[in-house]
Amino acid sequence: MNLSVLQWGFLGLAFVLANLPWLSQRCFLILQCENKSAWLRLLEWFVLYFVAGGLALLLEQRAMGTIHVQDWEFYAVTLALFLVFAFPGFIYRHVR
């Protein structure tokens, strides 16, 4: 598969994962929650950030053959990007 297709596919999946806590009433996509608090949504969003990061490491290992070492700045930028990806779901849930 083309590397560009993997990159765009991963970005699309990360966008979906970032919005799931605000679009779903289920806790961690498994348990049905009646009143899901904002703190639980943030915790779920943070856990999904690590899920997306783990998937990114797996894709990098498979596509490149090695995982490049990153400093803290890389992870700060990816966390900010994941936060920007979550903006539409947050607006849908809390501002709408």
PDB file of N, CA and C in Angstrom:
ATOM      1  N   MET A   1       0.838  -1.168   0.000  1.00  0.00           N
ATOM      2  CA  MET A   1       0.000   0.000   0.000  1.00  0.00           C
ATOM      3  C   MET A   1       0.890   1.241   0.000  1.00  0.00           C
ATOM      4  N   ASN A   2       0.443   2.241  -0.671  1.00  0.00           N
ATOM      5  CA  ASN A   2       1.185   3.488  -0.791  1.00  0.00           C
ATOM      6  C   ASN A   2       1.295   4.178   0.574  1.00  0.00           C
ATOM      7  N   LEU A   3       2.447   4.757   0.873  1.00  0.00           N
ATOM      8  CA  LEU A   3       2.678   5.418   2.154  1.00  0.00           C
ATOM      9  C   LEU A   3       1.757   6.620   2.340  1.00  0.00           C
ATOM     10  N   SER A   4       1.446   7.324   1.282  1.00  0.00           N
ATOM     11  CA  SER A   4       0.551   8.469   1.370  1.00  0.00           C
ATOM     12  C   SER A   4      -0.856   8.040   1.792  1.00  0.00           C
ATOM     13  N   VAL A   5      -1.312   6.912   1.289  1.00  0.00           N
ATOM     14  CA  VAL A   5      -2.627   6.399   1.666  1.00  0.00           C
ATOM     15  C   VAL A   5      -2.643   6.050   3.154  1.00  0.00           C
ATOM     16  N   LEU A   6      -1.576   5.449   3.665  1.00  0.00           N
ATOM     17  CA  LEU A   6      -1.494   5.133   5.090  1.00  0.00           C
ATOM     18  C   LEU A   6      -1.515   6.395   5.940  1.00  0.00           C
ATOM     19  N   GLN A   7      -0.803   7.418   5.514  1.00  0.00           N
ATOM     20  CA  GLN A   7      -0.749   8.662   6.280  1.00  0.00           C
ATOM     21  C   GLN A   7      -2.114   9.341   6.341  1.00  0.00           C
ATOM     22  N   TRP A   8      -2.780   9.462   5.211  1.00  0.00           N
ATOM     23  CA  TRP A   8      -4.091  10.105   5.197  1.00  0.00           C
ATOM     24  C   TRP A   8      -5.134   9.250   5.918  1.00  0.00           C
ATOM     25  N   GLY A   9      -5.020   7.952   5.778  1.00  0.00           N
ATOM     26  CA  GLY A   9      -5.928   7.062   6.496  1.00  0.00           C
ATOM     27  C   GLY A   9      -5.757   7.172   8.002  1.00  0.00           C
ATOM     28  N   PHE A  10      -4.510   7.259   8.451  1.00  0.00           N
ATOM     29  CA  PHE A  10      -4.268   7.412   9.877  1.00  0.00           C
ATOM     30  C   PHE A  10      -4.784   8.749  10.390  1.00  0.00           C
ATOM     31  N   LEU A  11      -4.581   9.821   9.638  1.00  0.00           N
ATOM     32  CA  LEU A  11      -5.091  11.125  10.058  1.00  0.00           C
ATOM     33  C   LEU A  11      -6.616  11.123  10.143  1.00  0.00           C
ATOM     34  N   GLY A  12      -7.267  10.462   9.211  1.00  0.00           N
ATOM     35  CA  GLY A  12      -8.727  10.334   9.272  1.00  0.00           C
ATOM     36  C   GLY A  12      -9.178   9.536  10.486  1.00  0.00           C
ATOM     37  N   LEU A  13      -8.478   8.445  10.778  1.00  0.00           N
ATOM     38  CA  LEU A  13      -8.803   7.639  11.958  1.00  0.00           C
ATOM     39  C   LEU A  13      -8.551   8.421  13.242  1.00  0.00           C
ATOM     40  N   ALA A  14      -7.477   9.197  13.297  1.00  0.00           N
ATOM     41  CA  ALA A  14      -7.191  10.020  14.475  1.00  0.00           C
ATOM     42  C   ALA A  14      -8.274  11.078  14.658  1.00  0.00           C
ATOM     43  N   PHE A  15      -8.779  11.632  13.573  1.00  0.00           N
ATOM     44  CA  PHE A  15      -9.864  12.608  13.649  1.00  0.00           C
ATOM     45  C   PHE A  15     -11.119  11.966  14.239  1.00  0.00           C
ATOM     46  N   VAL A  16     -11.437  10.773  13.797  1.00  0.00           N
ATOM     47  CA  VAL A  16     -12.609  10.065  14.319  1.00  0.00           C
ATOM     48  C   VAL A  16     -12.416   9.721  15.793  1.00  0.00           C
ATOM     49  N   LEU A  17     -11.236   9.220  16.159  1.00  0.00           N
ATOM     50  CA  LEU A  17     -10.964   8.866  17.552  1.00  0.00           C
ATOM     51  C   LEU A  17     -11.020  10.092  18.459  1.00  0.00           C
ATOM     52  N   ALA A  18     -10.569  11.231  17.980  1.00  0.00           N
ATOM     53  CA  ALA A  18     -10.584  12.441  18.798  1.00  0.00           C
ATOM     54  C   ALA A  18     -11.999  12.935  19.058  1.00  0.00           C
ATOM     55  N   ASN A  19     -12.927  12.652  18.165  1.00  0.00           N
ATOM     56  CA  ASN A  19     -14.303  13.124  18.314  1.00  0.00           C
ATOM     57  C   ASN A  19     -15.225  12.130  18.995  1.00  0.00           C
ATOM     58  N   LEU A  20     -14.832  10.889  19.127  1.00  0.00           N
ATOM     59  CA  LEU A  20     -15.711   9.876  19.712  1.00  0.00           C
ATOM     60  C   LEU A  20     -16.196  10.184  21.124  1.00  0.00           C
ATOM     61  N   PRO A  21     -15.374  10.691  22.025  1.00  0.00           N
ATOM     62  CA  PRO A  21     -15.898  10.940  23.377  1.00  0.00           C
ATOM     63  C   PRO A  21     -17.048  11.941  23.414  1.00  0.00           C
ATOM     64  N   TRP A  22     -17.079  12.879  22.485  1.00  0.00           N
ATOM     65  CA  TRP A  22     -18.136  13.877  22.503  1.00  0.00           C
ATOM     66  C   TRP A  22     -19.346  13.456  21.679  1.00  0.00           C
ATOM     67  N   LEU A  23     -19.183  12.529  20.784  1.00  0.00           N
ATOM     68  CA  LEU A  23     -20.299  12.116  19.936  1.00  0.00           C
ATOM     69  C   LEU A  23     -21.020  10.888  20.457  1.00  0.00           C
ATOM     70  N   SER A  24     -20.436  10.183  21.402  1.00  0.00           N
ATOM     71  CA  SER A  24     -21.007   8.940  21.907  1.00  0.00           C
ATOM     72  C   SER A  24     -21.364   9.077  23.381  1.00  0.00           C
ATOM     73  N   GLN A  25     -22.468   8.464  23.792  1.00  0.00           N
ATOM     74  CA  GLN A  25     -22.857   8.422  25.194  1.00  0.00           C
ATOM     75  C   GLN A  25     -22.246   7.233  25.918  1.00  0.00           C
ATOM     76  N   ARG A  26     -21.566   6.370  25.228  1.00  0.00           N
ATOM     77  CA  ARG A  26     -20.951   5.204  25.857  1.00  0.00           C
ATOM     78  C   ARG A  26     -19.630   5.582  26.508  1.00  0.00           C
ATOM     79  N   CYS A  27     -19.368   4.982  27.667  1.00  0.00           N
ATOM     80  CA  CYS A  27     -18.103   5.196  28.361  1.00  0.00           C
ATOM     81  C   CYS A  27     -17.062   4.248  27.782  1.00  0.00           C
ATOM     82  N   PHE A  28     -16.015   4.808  27.212  1.00  0.00           N
ATOM     83  CA  PHE A  28     -14.935   4.051  26.577  1.00  0.00           C
ATOM     84  C   PHE A  28     -15.470   3.105  25.500  1.00  0.00           C
ATOM     85  N   LEU A  29     -16.544   3.515  24.865  1.00  0.00           N
ATOM     86  CA  LEU A  29     -17.178   2.809  23.743  1.00  0.00           C
ATOM     87  C   LEU A  29     -17.698   1.424  24.122  1.00  0.00           C
ATOM     88  N   ILE A  30     -17.775   1.123  25.414  1.00  0.00           N
ATOM     89  CA  ILE A  30     -18.212  -0.199  25.863  1.00  0.00           C
ATOM     90  C   ILE A  30     -19.451  -0.101  26.752  1.00  0.00           C
ATOM     91  N   LEU A  31     -19.370   0.666  27.826  1.00  0.00           N
ATOM     92  CA  LEU A  31     -20.425   0.742  28.828  1.00  0.00           C
ATOM     93  C   LEU A  31     -21.390   1.869  28.503  1.00  0.00           C
ATOM     94  N   GLN A  32     -22.675   1.607  28.722  1.00  0.00           N
ATOM     95  CA  GLN A  32     -23.683   2.632  28.507  1.00  0.00           C
ATOM     96  C   GLN A  32     -23.718   3.554  29.722  1.00  0.00           C
ATOM     97  N   CYS A  33     -23.561   4.853  29.509  1.00  0.00           N
ATOM     98  CA  CYS A  33     -23.587   5.854  30.579  1.00  0.00           C
ATOM     99  C   CYS A  33     -24.793   6.757  30.380  1.00  0.00           C
ATOM    100  N   GLU A  34     -25.512   7.021  31.470  1.00  0.00           N
ATOM    101  CA  GLU A  34     -26.659   7.918  31.362  1.00  0.00           C
ATOM    102  C   GLU A  34     -26.210   9.371  31.300  1.00  0.00           C
ATOM    103  N   ASN A  35     -25.421   9.788  32.285  1.00  0.00           N
ATOM    104  CA  ASN A  35     -24.910  11.156  32.323  1.00  0.00           C
ATOM    105  C   ASN A  35     -23.396  11.102  32.312  1.00  0.00           C
ATOM    106  N   LYS A  36     -22.845  11.358  31.179  1.00  0.00           N
ATOM    107  CA  LYS A  36     -21.390  11.320  31.015  1.00  0.00           C
ATOM    108  C   LYS A  36     -20.842  12.716  31.292  1.00  0.00           C
ATOM    109  N   SER A  37     -20.041  12.850  32.342  1.00  0.00           N
ATOM    110  CA  SER A  37     -19.532  14.166  32.728  1.00  0.00           C
ATOM    111  C   SER A  37     -18.426  14.624  31.769  1.00  0.00           C
ATOM    112  N   ALA A  38     -18.135  15.902  31.862  1.00  0.00           N
ATOM    113  CA  ALA A  38     -17.077  16.463  31.015  1.00  0.00           C
ATOM    114  C   ALA A  38     -15.715  15.879  31.389  1.00  0.00           C
ATOM    115  N   TRP A  39     -15.504  15.601  32.675  1.00  0.00           N
ATOM    116  CA  TRP A  39     -14.228  15.013  33.106  1.00  0.00           C
ATOM    117  C   TRP A  39     -14.048  13.615  32.544  1.00  0.00           C
ATOM    118  N   LEU A  40     -15.126  12.841  32.502  1.00  0.00           N
ATOM    119  CA  LEU A  40     -15.042  11.498  31.929  1.00  0.00           C
ATOM    120  C   LEU A  40     -14.780  11.571  30.431  1.00  0.00           C
ATOM    121  N   ARG A  41     -15.367  12.540  29.765  1.00  0.00           N
ATOM    122  CA  ARG A  41     -15.110  12.726  28.334  1.00  0.00           C
ATOM    123  C   ARG A  41     -13.655  13.098  28.079  1.00  0.00           C
ATOM    124  N   LEU A  42     -13.095  13.969  28.931  1.00  0.00           N
ATOM    125  CA  LEU A  42     -11.689  14.338  28.783  1.00  0.00           C
ATOM    126  C   LEU A  42     -10.760  13.158  29.051  1.00  0.00           C
ATOM    127  N   LEU A  43     -11.083  12.359  30.067  1.00  0.00           N
ATOM    128  CA  LEU A  43     -10.282  11.172  30.352  1.00  0.00           C
ATOM    129  C   LEU A  43     -10.340  10.194  29.181  1.00  0.00           C
ATOM    130  N   GLU A  44     -11.518   9.990  28.644  1.00  0.00           N
ATOM    131  CA  GLU A  44     -11.678   9.102  27.488  1.00  0.00           C
ATOM    132  C   GLU A  44     -10.914   9.637  26.278  1.00  0.00           C
ATOM    133  N   TRP A  45     -10.962  10.955  26.071  1.00  0.00           N
ATOM    134  CA  TRP A  45     -10.226  11.568  24.970  1.00  0.00           C
ATOM    135  C   TRP A  45      -8.725  11.355  25.138  1.00  0.00           C
ATOM    136  N   PHE A  46      -8.225  11.495  26.370  1.00  0.00           N
ATOM    137  CA  PHE A  46      -6.802  11.324  26.641  1.00  0.00           C
ATOM    138  C   PHE A  46      -6.363   9.882  26.424  1.00  0.00           C
ATOM    139  N   VAL A  47      -7.191   8.927  26.826  1.00  0.00           N
ATOM    140  CA  VAL A  47      -6.882   7.512  26.589  1.00  0.00           C
ATOM    141  C   VAL A  47      -6.870   7.219  25.092  1.00  0.00           C
ATOM    142  N   LEU A  48      -7.810   7.788  24.356  1.00  0.00           N
ATOM    143  CA  LEU A  48      -7.843   7.582  22.905  1.00  0.00           C
ATOM    144  C   LEU A  48      -6.648   8.236  22.217  1.00  0.00           C
ATOM    145  N   TYR A  49      -6.078   9.280  22.810  1.00  0.00           N
ATOM    146  CA  TYR A  49      -4.834   9.855  22.291  1.00  0.00           C
ATOM    147  C   TYR A  49      -3.724   8.808  22.331  1.00  0.00           C
ATOM    148  N   PHE A  50      -3.634   8.081  23.440  1.00  0.00           N
ATOM    149  CA  PHE A  50      -2.607   7.050  23.545  1.00  0.00           C
ATOM    150  C   PHE A  50      -2.904   5.862  22.619  1.00  0.00           C
ATOM    151  N   VAL A  51      -4.167   5.561  22.395  1.00  0.00           N
ATOM    152  CA  VAL A  51      -4.518   4.505  21.434  1.00  0.00           C
ATOM    153  C   VAL A  51      -4.072   4.909  20.033  1.00  0.00           C
ATOM    154  N   ALA A  52      -4.347   6.146  19.657  1.00  0.00           N
ATOM    155  CA  ALA A  52      -3.917   6.638  18.343  1.00  0.00           C
ATOM    156  C   ALA A  52      -2.399   6.658  18.244  1.00  0.00           C
ATOM    157  N   GLY A  53      -1.724   7.021  19.318  1.00  0.00           N
ATOM    158  CA  GLY A  53      -0.258   7.018  19.319  1.00  0.00           C
ATOM    159  C   GLY A  53       0.312   5.621  19.175  1.00  0.00           C
ATOM    160  N   GLY A  54      -0.298   4.660  19.852  1.00  0.00           N
ATOM    161  CA  GLY A  54       0.144   3.273  19.708  1.00  0.00           C
ATOM    162  C   GLY A  54      -0.062   2.758  18.295  1.00  0.00           C
ATOM    163  N   LEU A  55      -1.188   3.118  17.696  1.00  0.00           N
ATOM    164  CA  LEU A  55      -1.440   2.733  16.314  1.00  0.00           C
ATOM    165  C   LEU A  55      -0.442   3.396  15.377  1.00  0.00           C
ATOM    166  N   ALA A  56      -0.081   4.644  15.667  1.00  0.00           N
ATOM    167  CA  ALA A  56       0.917   5.337  14.841  1.00  0.00           C
ATOM    168  C   ALA A  56       2.277   4.649  14.938  1.00  0.00           C
ATOM    169  N   LEU A  57       2.655   4.223  16.139  1.00  0.00           N
ATOM    170  CA  LEU A  57       3.922   3.496  16.290  1.00  0.00           C
ATOM    171  C   LEU A  57       3.898   2.178  15.532  1.00  0.00           C
ATOM    172  N   LEU A  58       2.770   1.485  15.587  1.00  0.00           N
ATOM    173  CA  LEU A  58       2.640   0.226  14.853  1.00  0.00           C
ATOM    174  C   LEU A  58       2.750   0.447  13.348  1.00  0.00           C
ATOM    175  N   LEU A  59       2.067   1.473  12.843  1.00  0.00           N
ATOM    176  CA  LEU A  59       2.136   1.766  11.409  1.00  0.00           C
ATOM    177  C   LEU A  59       3.538   2.192  10.991  1.00  0.00           C
ATOM    178  N   GLU A  60       4.217   2.955  11.848  1.00  0.00           N
ATOM    179  CA  GLU A  60       5.576   3.374  11.531  1.00  0.00           C
ATOM    180  C   GLU A  60       6.514   2.177  11.485  1.00  0.00           C
ATOM    181  N   GLN A  61       6.351   1.260  12.424  1.00  0.00           N
ATOM    182  CA  GLN A  61       7.179   0.049  12.439  1.00  0.00           C
ATOM    183  C   GLN A  61       6.949  -0.792  11.184  1.00  0.00           C
ATOM    184  N   ARG A  62       5.691  -0.929  10.798  1.00  0.00           N
ATOM    185  CA  ARG A  62       5.363  -1.750   9.621  1.00  0.00           C
ATOM    186  C   ARG A  62       5.783  -1.085   8.317  1.00  0.00           C
ATOM    187  N   ALA A  63       5.585   0.230   8.210  1.00  0.00           N
ATOM    188  CA  ALA A  63       5.863   0.918   6.946  1.00  0.00           C
ATOM    189  C   ALA A  63       7.343   1.237   6.772  1.00  0.00           C
ATOM    190  N   MET A  64       8.003   1.670   7.854  1.00  0.00           N
ATOM    191  CA  MET A  64       9.389   2.109   7.759  1.00  0.00           C
ATOM    192  C   MET A  64      10.393   1.039   8.181  1.00  0.00           C
ATOM    193  N   GLY A  65       9.962   0.111   9.010  1.00  0.00           N
ATOM    194  CA  GLY A  65      10.871  -0.924   9.485  1.00  0.00           C
ATOM    195  C   GLY A  65      11.538  -0.584  10.798  1.00  0.00           C
ATOM    196  N   THR A  66      11.423   0.664  11.233  1.00  0.00           N
ATOM    197  CA  THR A  66      12.013   1.088  12.504  1.00  0.00           C
ATOM    198  C   THR A  66      11.185   2.231  13.071  1.00  0.00           C
ATOM    199  N   ILE A  67      11.306   2.420  14.376  1.00  0.00           N
ATOM    200  CA  ILE A  67      10.615   3.520  15.038  1.00  0.00           C
ATOM    201  C   ILE A  67      11.645   4.583  15.373  1.00  0.00           C
ATOM    202  N   HIS A  68      11.416   5.788  14.899  1.00  0.00           N
ATOM    203  CA  HIS A  68      12.344   6.885  15.139  1.00  0.00           C
ATOM    204  C   HIS A  68      12.133   7.440  16.544  1.00  0.00           C
ATOM    205  N   VAL A  69      13.201   7.743  17.225  1.00  0.00           N
ATOM    206  CA  VAL A  69      13.142   8.299  18.569  1.00  0.00           C
ATOM    207  C   VAL A  69      12.708   9.761  18.484  1.00  0.00           C
ATOM    208  N   GLN A  70      11.760  10.150  19.330  1.00  0.00           N
ATOM    209  CA  GLN A  70      11.247  11.516  19.340  1.00  0.00           C
ATOM    210  C   GLN A  70      11.469  12.139  20.712  1.00  0.00           C
ATOM    211  N   ASP A  71      11.596  13.453  20.736  1.00  0.00           N
ATOM    212  CA  ASP A  71      11.703  14.181  21.988  1.00  0.00           C
ATOM    213  C   ASP A  71      10.316  14.627  22.442  1.00  0.00           C
ATOM    214  N   TRP A  72      10.268  15.335  23.550  1.00  0.00           N
ATOM    215  CA  TRP A  72       9.003  15.742  24.133  1.00  0.00           C
ATOM    216  C   TRP A  72       8.244  16.719  23.243  1.00  0.00           C
ATOM    217  N   GLU A  73       8.948  17.502  22.425  1.00  0.00           N
ATOM    218  CA  GLU A  73       8.282  18.473  21.563  1.00  0.00           C
ATOM    219  C   GLU A  73       7.342  17.786  20.562  1.00  0.00           C
ATOM    220  N   PHE A  74       7.763  16.637  20.066  1.00  0.00           N
ATOM    221  CA  PHE A  74       6.929  15.888  19.126  1.00  0.00           C
ATOM    222  C   PHE A  74       5.613  15.493  19.773  1.00  0.00           C
ATOM    223  N   TYR A  75       5.686  15.006  20.996  1.00  0.00           N
ATOM    224  CA  TYR A  75       4.472  14.562  21.686  1.00  0.00           C
ATOM    225  C   TYR A  75       3.591  15.736  22.090  1.00  0.00           C
ATOM    226  N   ALA A  76       4.188  16.877  22.399  1.00  0.00           N
ATOM    227  CA  ALA A  76       3.398  18.079  22.690  1.00  0.00           C
ATOM    228  C   ALA A  76       2.640  18.534  21.446  1.00  0.00           C
ATOM    229  N   VAL A  77       3.282  18.477  20.300  1.00  0.00           N
ATOM    230  CA  VAL A  77       2.621  18.874  19.054  1.00  0.00           C
ATOM    231  C   VAL A  77       1.523  17.888  18.677  1.00  0.00           C
ATOM    232  N   THR A  78       1.758  16.589  18.839  1.00  0.00           N
ATOM    233  CA  THR A  78       0.716  15.615  18.502  1.00  0.00           C
ATOM    234  C   THR A  78      -0.470  15.724  19.446  1.00  0.00           C
ATOM    235  N   LEU A  79      -0.220  16.034  20.726  1.00  0.00           N
ATOM    236  CA  LEU A  79      -1.320  16.241  21.668  1.00  0.00           C
ATOM    237  C   LEU A  79      -2.137  17.468  21.263  1.00  0.00           C
ATOM    238  N   ALA A  80      -1.461  18.540  20.856  1.00  0.00           N
ATOM    239  CA  ALA A  80      -2.170  19.737  20.390  1.00  0.00           C
ATOM    240  C   ALA A  80      -2.956  19.455  19.111  1.00  0.00           C
ATOM    241  N   LEU A  81      -2.394  18.666  18.204  1.00  0.00           N
ATOM    242  CA  LEU A  81      -3.111  18.301  16.978  1.00  0.00           C
ATOM    243  C   LEU A  81      -4.337  17.456  17.291  1.00  0.00           C
ATOM    244  N   PHE A  82      -4.211  16.539  18.238  1.00  0.00           N
ATOM    245  CA  PHE A  82      -5.354  15.714  18.645  1.00  0.00           C
ATOM    246  C   PHE A  82      -6.431  16.584  19.292  1.00  0.00           C
ATOM    247  N   LEU A  83      -6.010  17.616  20.010  1.00  0.00           N
ATOM    248  CA  LEU A  83      -6.950  18.559  20.605  1.00  0.00           C
ATOM    249  C   LEU A  83      -7.689  19.343  19.523  1.00  0.00           C
ATOM    250  N   VAL A  84      -6.981  19.762  18.500  1.00  0.00           N
ATOM    251  CA  VAL A  84      -7.620  20.475  17.386  1.00  0.00           C
ATOM    252  C   VAL A  84      -8.580  19.548  16.644  1.00  0.00           C
ATOM    253  N   PHE A  85      -8.203  18.287  16.480  1.00  0.00           N
ATOM    254  CA  PHE A  85      -9.091  17.322  15.831  1.00  0.00           C
ATOM    255  C   PHE A  85     -10.386  17.143  16.619  1.00  0.00           C
ATOM    256  N   ALA A  86     -10.339  17.274  17.943  1.00  0.00           N
ATOM    257  CA  ALA A  86     -11.519  17.067  18.782  1.00  0.00           C
ATOM    258  C   ALA A  86     -12.447  18.269  18.818  1.00  0.00           C
ATOM    259  N   PHE A  87     -12.050  19.374  18.253  1.00  0.00           N
ATOM    260  CA  PHE A  87     -12.834  20.606  18.322  1.00  0.00           C
ATOM    261  C   PHE A  87     -14.252  20.470  17.748  1.00  0.00           C
ATOM    262  N   PRO A  88     -14.463  19.847  16.584  1.00  0.00           N
ATOM    263  CA  PRO A  88     -15.837  19.740  16.074  1.00  0.00           C
ATOM    264  C   PRO A  88     -16.761  18.951  17.006  1.00  0.00           C
ATOM    265  N   GLY A  89     -16.278  17.865  17.587  1.00  0.00           N
ATOM    266  CA  GLY A  89     -17.107  17.094  18.509  1.00  0.00           C
ATOM    267  C   GLY A  89     -17.421  17.865  19.774  1.00  0.00           C
ATOM    268  N   PHE A  90     -16.441  18.610  20.285  1.00  0.00           N
ATOM    269  CA  PHE A  90     -16.656  19.432  21.477  1.00  0.00           C
ATOM    270  C   PHE A  90     -17.704  20.505  21.207  1.00  0.00           C
ATOM    271  N   ILE A  91     -17.608  21.170  20.077  1.00  0.00           N
ATOM    272  CA  ILE A  91     -18.590  22.191  19.705  1.00  0.00           C
ATOM    273  C   ILE A  91     -19.955  21.565  19.554  1.00  0.00           C
ATOM    274  N   TYR A  92     -20.039  20.410  18.940  1.00  0.00           N
ATOM    275  CA  TYR A  92     -21.325  19.729  18.768  1.00  0.00           C
ATOM    276  C   TYR A  92     -21.966  19.406  20.112  1.00  0.00           C
ATOM    277  N   ARG A  93     -21.166  18.962  21.087  1.00  0.00           N
ATOM    278  CA  ARG A  93     -21.709  18.537  22.369  1.00  0.00           C
ATOM    279  C   ARG A  93     -22.021  19.723  23.290  1.00  0.00           C
ATOM    280  N   HIS A  94     -21.131  20.688  23.412  1.00  0.00           N
ATOM    281  CA  HIS A  94     -21.267  21.698  24.458  1.00  0.00           C
ATOM    282  C   HIS A  94     -21.766  23.062  23.998  1.00  0.00           C
ATOM    283  N   VAL A  95     -21.593  23.418  22.769  1.00  0.00           N
ATOM    284  CA  VAL A  95     -22.037  24.728  22.310  1.00  0.00           C
ATOM    285  C   VAL A  95     -23.363  24.653  21.582  1.00  0.00           C
ATOM    286  N   ARG A  96     -23.620  23.544  20.956  1.00  0.00           N
ATOM    287  CA  ARG A  96     -24.831  23.360  20.159  1.00  0.00           C
ATOM    288  C   ARG A  96     -26.056  23.554  20.985  1.00  0.00           C
TER     289      ARG A  96
END
